[in-house]
Amino acid sequence: MSKKSFLPTAIDEHIGQRVQLRRVMMGMSQKDLAKICGVTFQQIQKYESAGNRISASRLFELSAALETPVSFFFSGLPGHIEREPRNGHLSKLHVSDQKETDPLAKNESLQLINLYWKLPNDAQRETIMKILKALNGQE
């Protein structure tokens, strides 16, 4: 049996980025996540960089460890996926380019929302909102 080489797709990269985003949002190190999942921290590094593809069962474990639904890892992917035929077989999946102007497609938007809701009270959230409006000329 020949071993096929692994070429990460845009989907693998997206899922890896979402794993990393959620881990960081929770203040968890790669070592902490690895311990919960029973793998090495190097394996978590490979998942996050799309060096290794994440199996369905491992993605389920990651979702439990990161206290988020599996759908979180797919959030932000466009609905349209193009297939590239190679010798009559589907060899690779490509994700169509997302609109770069869509703020919800950016991981930093999720980080901003998470940090905003971690503020301890409404007064601080109101202050942040006023600052953002002032910076955008919407006073």
Protein backbone atom coordinates (compact mmCIF):
# COMPACT_ATOMS: atom_id res chain seq x y z
CA MET A 1 0.00 0.00 0.00
CA SER A 2 1.51 3.33 -1.03
CA LYS A 3 1.33 6.25 1.29
CA LYS A 4 -0.29 9.31 -0.31
CA SER A 5 1.31 12.66 0.33
CA PHE A 6 -0.86 15.15 2.18
CA LEU A 7 -1.40 18.55 0.65
CA PRO A 8 -3.51 20.75 2.90
CA THR A 9 -6.53 22.38 1.36
CA ALA A 10 -7.88 25.81 2.18
CA ILE A 11 -10.47 24.02 4.32
CA ASP A 12 -7.75 22.30 6.39
CA GLU A 13 -6.02 25.65 6.86
CA HIS A 14 -9.26 27.36 7.87
CA ILE A 15 -10.13 24.68 10.43
CA GLY A 16 -6.62 24.81 11.88
CA GLN A 17 -6.87 28.58 12.23
CA ARG A 18 -10.22 28.24 13.96
CA VAL A 19 -8.78 25.67 16.40
CA GLN A 20 -5.98 28.09 17.21
CA LEU A 21 -8.37 31.03 17.55
CA ARG A 22 -10.65 29.19 19.97
CA ARG A 23 -7.70 27.87 21.99
CA VAL A 24 -6.28 31.39 22.34
CA MET A 25 -9.71 32.82 23.16
CA MET A 26 -9.94 30.37 26.04
CA GLY A 27 -6.45 31.26 27.28
CA MET A 28 -5.28 27.70 26.70
CA SER A 29 -1.78 26.70 25.62
CA GLN A 30 -1.08 24.09 22.97
CA LYS A 31 0.30 21.91 25.76
CA ASP A 32 -2.94 22.25 27.77
CA LEU A 33 -5.10 21.33 24.78
CA ALA A 34 -2.82 18.43 23.88
CA LYS A 35 -3.10 17.02 27.40
CA ILE A 36 -6.91 17.14 27.31
CA CYS A 37 -6.98 15.44 23.89
CA GLY A 38 -4.29 12.87 24.71
CA VAL A 39 -1.86 13.98 22.00
CA THR A 40 1.46 15.83 21.96
CA PHE A 41 1.63 19.60 21.74
CA GLN A 42 3.51 19.10 18.45
CA GLN A 43 0.38 17.39 17.11
CA ILE A 44 -1.71 20.41 18.08
CA GLN A 45 0.85 22.60 16.27
CA LYS A 46 0.46 20.45 13.17
CA TYR A 47 -3.34 20.65 13.36
CA GLU A 48 -3.25 24.44 13.71
CA SER A 49 -0.80 24.90 10.82
CA ALA A 50 -2.64 22.35 8.62
CA GLY A 51 0.47 20.18 8.64
CA ASN A 52 -1.80 17.30 9.63
CA ARG A 53 -5.42 16.91 8.65
CA ILE A 54 -7.87 16.67 11.58
CA SER A 55 -10.06 13.55 11.53
CA ALA A 56 -13.77 13.80 12.32
CA SER A 57 -13.37 12.06 15.67
CA ARG A 58 -10.45 14.32 16.66
CA LEU A 59 -12.42 17.41 15.61
CA PHE A 60 -15.22 16.23 17.89
CA GLU A 61 -12.71 15.85 20.76
CA LEU A 62 -11.30 19.30 20.06
CA SER A 63 -14.79 20.80 20.10
CA ALA A 64 -15.45 19.25 23.51
CA ALA A 65 -12.06 20.36 24.88
CA LEU A 66 -12.57 23.87 23.53
CA GLU A 67 -16.20 24.00 24.71
CA THR A 68 -17.62 24.92 21.32
CA PRO A 69 -19.80 23.17 18.74
CA VAL A 70 -18.05 21.45 15.82
CA SER A 71 -19.74 23.97 13.52
CA PHE A 72 -17.49 26.69 15.00
CA PHE A 73 -14.53 25.31 13.05
CA PHE A 74 -16.41 25.63 9.77
CA SER A 75 -17.77 29.11 10.47
CA GLY A 76 -16.62 31.61 7.89
CA LEU A 77 -16.27 29.12 5.05
CA PRO A 78 -18.21 30.13 1.96
CA GLY A 79 -21.04 27.93 0.81
CA HIS A 80 -19.51 27.35 -2.62
CA ILE A 81 -16.66 24.83 -2.94
CA GLU A 82 -14.95 24.21 -6.26
CA ARG A 83 -13.63 20.77 -7.13
CA GLU A 84 -10.54 20.31 -9.26
CA PRO A 85 -10.72 17.17 -11.42
CA ARG A 86 -7.50 15.22 -11.93
CA ASN A 87 -7.52 12.16 -14.14
CA GLY A 88 -11.27 11.91 -13.65
CA HIS A 89 -10.98 11.86 -9.85
CA LEU A 90 -11.54 14.54 -7.27
CA SER A 91 -8.02 15.26 -6.14
CA LYS A 92 -8.27 18.46 -4.18
CA LEU A 93 -10.91 20.78 -2.78
CA HIS A 94 -10.52 24.53 -3.08
CA VAL A 95 -12.52 27.03 -1.10
CA SER A 96 -13.64 29.96 -3.20
CA ASP A 97 -12.10 33.22 -2.10
CA GLN A 98 -14.03 34.92 0.65
CA LYS A 99 -14.80 38.57 0.34
CA GLU A 100 -11.90 40.31 2.05
CA THR A 101 -14.24 43.13 3.01
CA ASP A 102 -16.52 40.85 5.05
CA PRO A 103 -15.62 41.56 8.70
CA LEU A 104 -17.32 38.37 9.90
CA ALA A 105 -14.89 36.33 7.79
CA LYS A 106 -11.95 37.59 9.86
CA ASN A 107 -10.76 35.85 13.03
CA GLU A 108 -9.96 39.18 14.66
CA SER A 109 -13.67 40.07 14.59
CA LEU A 110 -14.43 37.07 16.76
CA GLN A 111 -11.58 37.99 19.10
CA LEU A 112 -12.92 41.52 19.40
CA ILE A 113 -16.42 40.30 20.22
CA ASN A 114 -15.07 37.84 22.78
CA LEU A 115 -12.95 40.50 24.50
CA TYR A 116 -15.86 42.95 24.49
CA TRP A 117 -18.16 40.50 26.29
CA LYS A 118 -15.43 39.60 28.80
CA LEU A 119 -15.46 43.15 30.11
CA PRO A 120 -16.79 43.05 33.66
CA ASN A 121 -19.68 45.51 33.33
CA ASP A 122 -21.99 47.45 31.04
CA ALA A 123 -20.28 50.77 31.78
CA GLN A 124 -16.97 49.52 30.37
CA ARG A 125 -18.70 48.07 27.31
CA GLU A 126 -20.46 51.42 26.76
CA THR A 127 -17.11 53.25 27.00
CA ILE A 128 -15.56 50.95 24.39
CA MET A 129 -18.54 51.45 22.10
CA LYS A 130 -18.22 55.24 22.43
CA ILE A 131 -14.51 55.06 21.61
CA LEU A 132 -15.15 52.95 18.51
CA LYS A 133 -17.89 55.29 17.33
CA ALA A 134 -15.65 58.34 17.88
CA LEU A 135 -12.79 56.73 15.96
CA ASN A 136 -15.17 56.05 13.08
CA GLY A 137 -16.68 59.55 13.13
CA GLN A 138 -20.09 58.34 14.29
CA GLU A 139 -20.44 60.38 17.48
